[in-house]
Amino acid sequence: MKLHKIEAGAFHVDGGAAFGVVPKKVWQKRYPADKDNYCRVHMRCLLIDTGNRLILIDAGTGDKQLEYLKFYGFEGVINFDAELSKLGYKAEQVTDVIFTHLHFDHCGGATRYNAGKTAVELVFPNAVHHVGETQWQNFLNPNVREGDSYFKENMLPIADAGKLHTLTGDEFLCPEIEMRIYDGHTPGQIVTYINMDNQTLVYCGDVIPLAANVPLAWISSYDVFPLTAMEEKKRLLDEAAEKQQILFFEHDAYTECCTVVSNYNKHKVSSMLRFEEVL
């Protein structure tokens, strides 16, 4: 099995939103912010070649809504055709796309405008696109908090093409890849567990967006159901600490992966790792 990280771009979020009720005097020691209190975050995708499947986890924001979303200060948004070519692949070879959830910074890059900007087309036309069923229903009928994070043109073309698969519970995509449902940040988020020879890599998505978010109370204001988010994060961290799983961070601009330890129900990072160190 071959794994490749794909940096799909960066943007900026308010530090208070990223760390919720944690005071800035505390969180800024672990994650930097600029003079306007904005924190740089990445859109770090993962490409997995199992030999039988070519799987992409999340697809960044794409460029369809960049003008509308310009206050986030997006930088370096990639073209997937070009990035996959650098790795020796083509977009047509991708068999599966796993969306952690359907906020614009996780799924927007899976569709694009055609050359004449008259229609939206699939970037990965042969792939089955996987999403949690409750997340899909939330996308179709969003609550007030999340309505501005969902764009119909990001997902409806995929559903119309018959390339959407929804999960009603935990599911193995193949023996090496397990998709598990986690709530809290948003209903029906998928966390992907990649089982390699001697270790497991956990693509955390927004259950734990940054290494600085590892402590249970350090949750984001973007989490729609805060108490559930903490419970779900504890569930993930307890197993990660017990089994020494490696956490892969999608949004952390400075830490790609880590391991964690747990003492008396308190969790902390035990070692920070570059992605290359876990291969």
Protein backbone atom coordinates (compact mmCIF):
# COMPACT_ATOMS: atom_id res chain seq x y z
CA MET A 1 0.00 0.00 0.00
CA LYS A 2 1.26 3.46 -0.95
CA LEU A 3 0.20 6.67 0.78
CA HIS A 4 0.64 10.21 -0.51
CA LYS A 5 -0.32 13.43 1.21
CA ILE A 6 -1.71 16.13 -1.06
CA GLU A 7 -1.64 19.72 0.19
CA ALA A 8 -4.76 21.16 -1.48
CA GLY A 9 -4.23 24.74 -0.30
CA ALA A 10 -4.47 26.90 2.81
CA PHE A 11 -6.83 29.44 4.32
CA HIS A 12 -7.25 31.45 7.51
CA VAL A 13 -9.72 31.13 10.39
CA ASP A 14 -10.32 33.23 13.47
CA GLY A 15 -8.36 31.89 16.43
CA GLY A 16 -11.29 32.28 18.78
CA ALA A 17 -13.40 30.14 16.46
CA ALA A 18 -10.65 27.52 16.21
CA PHE A 19 -10.36 27.09 19.99
CA GLY A 20 -13.78 28.04 21.33
CA VAL A 21 -13.84 28.99 25.02
CA VAL A 22 -10.08 28.48 25.51
CA PRO A 23 -8.54 31.95 26.14
CA LYS A 24 -6.13 33.32 23.57
CA LYS A 25 -3.43 33.70 26.23
CA VAL A 26 -3.49 29.92 26.51
CA TRP A 27 -4.02 28.70 22.95
CA GLN A 28 -1.58 31.08 21.26
CA LYS A 29 1.25 29.26 23.04
CA ARG A 30 0.36 26.17 20.98
CA TYR A 31 -0.83 27.64 17.69
CA PRO A 32 0.23 31.00 16.22
CA ALA A 33 -2.07 33.76 15.03
CA ASP A 34 -1.38 36.94 13.07
CA LYS A 35 -2.09 40.50 14.23
CA ASP A 36 -5.74 40.13 13.17
CA ASN A 37 -6.14 36.95 15.25
CA TYR A 38 -6.23 34.73 12.16
CA CYS A 39 -4.69 31.26 12.19
CA ARG A 40 -3.34 29.64 9.03
CA VAL A 41 -4.82 26.20 8.39
CA HIS A 42 -4.21 23.68 5.61
CA MET A 43 -6.40 21.39 3.52
CA ARG A 44 -4.30 18.21 3.68
CA CYS A 45 -5.77 15.35 1.68
CA LEU A 46 -4.60 11.74 1.61
CA LEU A 47 -4.26 9.51 -1.46
CA ILE A 48 -4.12 5.76 -0.82
CA ASP A 49 -3.08 3.21 -3.43
CA THR A 50 -3.99 -0.25 -2.16
CA GLY A 51 -3.04 -1.95 -5.43
CA ASN A 52 -6.72 -2.59 -6.18
CA ARG A 53 -8.16 0.80 -5.32
CA LEU A 54 -7.02 4.40 -5.56
CA ILE A 55 -8.70 6.27 -2.70
CA LEU A 56 -8.73 10.01 -2.00
CA ILE A 57 -9.78 11.32 1.40
CA ASP A 58 -11.27 14.81 1.12
CA ALA A 59 -10.76 17.17 -1.80
CA GLY A 60 -10.15 20.65 -0.43
CA THR A 61 -12.24 23.61 -1.49
CA GLY A 62 -11.63 23.78 -5.24
CA ASP A 63 -11.92 27.13 -7.00
CA LYS A 64 -15.66 27.44 -7.70
CA GLN A 65 -16.50 29.63 -4.69
CA LEU A 66 -13.19 31.40 -4.04
CA GLU A 67 -14.55 34.85 -4.84
CA TYR A 68 -17.48 34.36 -2.49
CA LEU A 69 -15.16 32.99 0.23
CA LYS A 70 -12.36 35.52 -0.24
CA PHE A 71 -12.51 36.69 3.40
CA TYR A 72 -10.88 33.35 4.34
CA GLY A 73 -7.77 34.33 2.40
CA PHE A 74 -7.37 31.11 0.44
CA GLU A 75 -3.87 30.40 -0.89
CA GLY A 76 -2.38 27.80 -3.20
CA VAL A 77 -5.61 26.01 -4.16
CA ILE A 78 -4.45 23.13 -6.34
CA ASN A 79 -5.50 21.56 -9.60
CA PHE A 80 -5.94 17.86 -8.85
CA ASP A 81 -5.09 16.79 -12.40
CA ALA A 82 -1.68 18.44 -12.04
CA GLU A 83 -1.04 17.16 -8.52
CA LEU A 84 -2.00 13.58 -9.35
CA SER A 85 0.18 13.70 -12.45
CA LYS A 86 3.19 14.55 -10.27
CA LEU A 87 2.50 11.32 -8.35
CA GLY A 88 2.08 9.25 -11.53
CA TYR A 89 -1.73 9.03 -11.50
CA LYS A 90 -4.70 10.43 -13.38
CA ALA A 91 -7.96 11.67 -11.91
CA GLU A 92 -9.81 9.03 -13.93
CA GLN A 93 -7.97 6.31 -11.98
CA VAL A 94 -9.40 7.35 -8.60
CA THR A 95 -11.87 4.64 -7.59
CA ASP A 96 -13.14 6.15 -4.34
CA VAL A 97 -13.41 9.56 -2.73
CA ILE A 98 -14.16 9.61 1.00
CA PHE A 99 -15.58 12.89 2.28
CA THR A 100 -15.14 13.39 6.02
CA HIS A 101 -18.12 15.75 5.67
CA LEU A 102 -19.52 18.24 3.19
CA HIS A 103 -18.38 21.65 4.42
CA PHE A 104 -16.89 23.49 1.45
CA ASP A 105 -13.24 23.07 2.49
CA HIS A 106 -13.58 19.27 2.42
CA CYS A 107 -15.55 18.50 -0.74
CA GLY A 108 -15.49 21.51 -3.09
CA GLY A 109 -12.50 20.25 -5.07
CA ALA A 110 -14.35 17.14 -6.26
CA THR A 111 -16.33 19.17 -8.81
CA ARG A 112 -15.40 22.05 -11.10
CA TYR A 113 -16.79 24.24 -13.83
CA ASN A 114 -16.28 22.93 -17.35
CA ALA A 115 -14.14 24.86 -19.83
CA GLY A 116 -16.99 27.14 -20.86
CA LYS A 117 -18.23 27.56 -17.27
CA THR A 118 -21.67 26.44 -18.43
CA ALA A 119 -21.93 23.38 -16.19
CA VAL A 120 -20.30 21.64 -13.23
CA GLU A 121 -18.44 18.38 -13.88
CA LEU A 122 -16.86 15.69 -11.73
CA VAL A 123 -13.11 15.90 -11.20
CA PHE A 124 -12.98 12.14 -10.47
CA PRO A 125 -15.56 10.83 -12.94
CA ASN A 126 -15.06 7.12 -12.25
CA ALA A 127 -14.99 7.31 -8.46
CA VAL A 128 -17.66 6.37 -5.97
CA HIS A 129 -17.97 9.25 -3.49
CA HIS A 130 -18.65 8.19 0.10
CA VAL A 131 -20.38 10.30 2.76
CA GLY A 132 -22.29 9.63 5.96
CA GLU A 133 -26.06 9.35 5.41
CA THR A 134 -26.89 11.75 8.24
CA GLN A 135 -24.32 14.20 6.84
CA TRP A 136 -25.95 13.94 3.41
CA GLN A 137 -29.36 14.69 4.88
CA ASN A 138 -27.84 17.58 6.82
CA PHE A 139 -26.39 18.90 3.57
CA LEU A 140 -29.79 18.71 1.85
CA ASN A 141 -31.61 20.33 4.80
CA PRO A 142 -28.98 22.30 6.72
CA ASN A 143 -29.41 23.92 10.10
CA VAL A 144 -28.88 27.67 10.42
CA ARG A 145 -25.31 27.27 11.74
CA GLU A 146 -24.12 25.19 8.80
CA GLY A 147 -26.15 26.56 5.91
CA ASP A 148 -23.37 28.85 4.66
CA SER A 149 -20.87 25.96 4.64
CA TYR A 150 -22.79 23.87 2.11
CA PHE A 151 -22.93 24.57 -1.63
CA LYS A 152 -25.29 22.57 -3.81
CA GLU A 153 -22.91 22.68 -6.80
CA ASN A 154 -20.28 20.84 -4.76
CA MET A 155 -22.35 17.69 -4.35
CA LEU A 156 -25.54 17.53 -6.42
CA PRO A 157 -23.63 16.79 -9.68
CA ILE A 158 -22.07 13.77 -7.94
CA ALA A 159 -25.46 12.50 -6.79
CA ASP A 160 -27.01 13.18 -10.21
CA ALA A 161 -24.25 11.13 -11.85
CA GLY A 162 -25.09 8.14 -9.63
CA LYS A 163 -21.65 8.31 -7.98
CA LEU A 164 -22.75 8.88 -4.38
CA HIS A 165 -22.71 6.21 -1.65
CA THR A 166 -24.01 7.02 1.83
CA LEU A 167 -23.01 5.19 5.01
CA THR A 168 -25.58 4.44 7.68
CA GLY A 169 -22.90 3.09 10.02
CA ASP A 170 -19.27 2.01 10.18
CA GLU A 171 -18.15 0.23 7.04
CA PHE A 172 -15.02 -1.33 5.55
CA LEU A 173 -14.25 -0.05 2.07
CA CYS A 174 -11.66 -2.83 1.72
CA PRO A 175 -9.69 -4.87 4.28
CA GLU A 176 -7.19 -2.05 4.82
CA ILE A 177 -9.62 0.87 4.96
CA GLU A 178 -12.37 1.32 7.55
CA MET A 179 -14.79 4.26 7.58
CA ARG A 180 -16.31 5.09 10.99
CA ILE A 181 -19.07 7.56 11.80
CA TYR A 182 -18.39 10.31 14.35
CA ASP A 183 -20.87 13.02 15.29
CA GLY A 184 -20.41 16.33 17.10
CA HIS A 185 -18.68 18.67 14.70
CA THR A 186 -21.48 17.90 12.29
CA PRO A 187 -23.78 14.87 11.98
CA GLY A 188 -22.34 11.79 10.30
CA GLN A 189 -18.70 12.77 9.86
CA ILE A 190 -16.44 9.96 8.57
CA VAL A 191 -13.11 9.20 10.23
CA THR A 192 -11.00 6.86 8.09
CA TYR A 193 -8.75 4.21 9.65
CA ILE A 194 -5.91 3.05 7.38
CA ASN A 195 -4.57 -0.28 8.58
CA MET A 196 -0.98 -0.76 7.47
CA ASP A 197 1.31 -3.68 8.26
CA ASN A 198 2.28 -2.72 11.80
CA GLN A 199 0.32 0.44 12.56
CA THR A 200 -2.92 2.30 11.97
CA LEU A 201 -3.15 5.83 10.59
CA VAL A 202 -6.28 7.77 11.58
CA TYR A 203 -7.47 10.56 9.26
CA CYS A 204 -9.13 12.70 11.94
CA GLY A 205 -10.89 15.30 9.79
CA ASP A 206 -12.61 17.88 11.98
CA VAL A 207 -13.03 15.56 14.97
CA ILE A 208 -9.51 16.80 15.80
CA PRO A 209 -8.51 19.41 13.21
CA LEU A 210 -5.22 20.50 14.83
CA ALA A 211 -2.70 18.94 17.20
CA ALA A 212 -3.51 21.80 19.57
CA ASN A 213 -7.12 20.54 19.67
CA VAL A 214 -6.13 17.21 21.27
CA PRO A 215 -7.13 18.16 24.87
CA LEU A 216 -10.79 17.27 25.32
CA ALA A 217 -12.04 20.76 26.17
CA TRP A 218 -10.16 22.37 23.28
CA ILE A 219 -12.93 22.14 20.73
CA SER A 220 -13.76 24.52 17.93
CA SER A 221 -16.68 26.95 17.87
CA TYR A 222 -17.46 25.39 14.49
CA ASP A 223 -18.58 22.22 16.29
CA VAL A 224 -22.37 22.22 16.06
CA PHE A 225 -22.88 19.94 19.08
CA PRO A 226 -20.04 20.74 21.52
CA LEU A 227 -20.68 18.13 24.20
CA THR A 228 -21.09 15.40 21.60
CA ALA A 229 -17.90 16.61 19.91
CA MET A 230 -15.99 16.15 23.17
CA GLU A 231 -17.45 12.68 23.75
CA GLU A 232 -16.60 11.59 20.22
CA LYS A 233 -13.10 13.01 20.46
CA LYS A 234 -12.57 11.08 23.70
CA ARG A 235 -13.73 7.89 21.99
CA LEU A 236 -11.19 8.42 19.22
CA LEU A 237 -8.35 9.43 21.56
CA ASP A 238 -8.87 6.58 24.03
CA GLU A 239 -8.37 4.02 21.28
CA ALA A 240 -5.50 5.96 19.71
CA ALA A 241 -3.65 6.07 23.03
CA GLU A 242 -4.31 2.42 23.85
CA LYS A 243 -3.29 1.11 20.43
CA GLN A 244 -0.65 3.76 19.67
CA GLN A 245 -2.39 4.75 16.48
CA ILE A 246 -1.00 7.67 14.49
CA LEU A 247 -3.27 10.68 14.04
CA PHE A 248 -3.19 12.48 10.69
CA PHE A 249 -4.22 16.14 10.84
CA GLU A 250 -6.05 17.65 7.90
CA HIS A 251 -5.92 21.29 8.95
CA ASP A 252 -2.77 21.73 11.05
CA ALA A 253 -0.30 23.94 9.17
CA TYR A 254 2.59 22.93 11.41
CA THR A 255 2.02 19.34 12.58
CA GLU A 256 1.12 16.61 10.10
CA CYS A 257 0.85 13.61 12.42
CA CYS A 258 1.23 12.63 16.06
CA THR A 259 0.77 9.92 18.64
CA VAL A 260 -1.05 10.54 21.92
CA VAL A 261 -1.05 9.31 25.50
CA SER A 262 -3.84 9.28 28.08
CA ASN A 263 -3.49 9.67 31.84
CA TYR A 264 -6.52 9.89 34.13
CA ASN A 265 -8.77 10.77 31.18
CA LYS A 266 -6.48 13.58 30.07
CA HIS A 267 -4.99 13.29 26.61
CA LYS A 268 -1.90 14.93 25.22
CA VAL A 269 0.41 14.68 22.25
CA SER A 270 3.31 12.33 22.95
CA SER A 271 5.26 12.73 19.71
CA MET A 272 4.87 14.94 16.66
CA LEU A 273 5.71 13.31 13.35
CA ARG A 274 6.23 14.31 9.75
CA PHE A 275 4.11 12.30 7.34
CA GLU A 276 7.21 10.73 5.80
CA GLU A 277 8.14 9.25 9.18
CA VAL A 278 4.99 7.11 9.34
CA LEU A 279 5.39 5.45 5.91
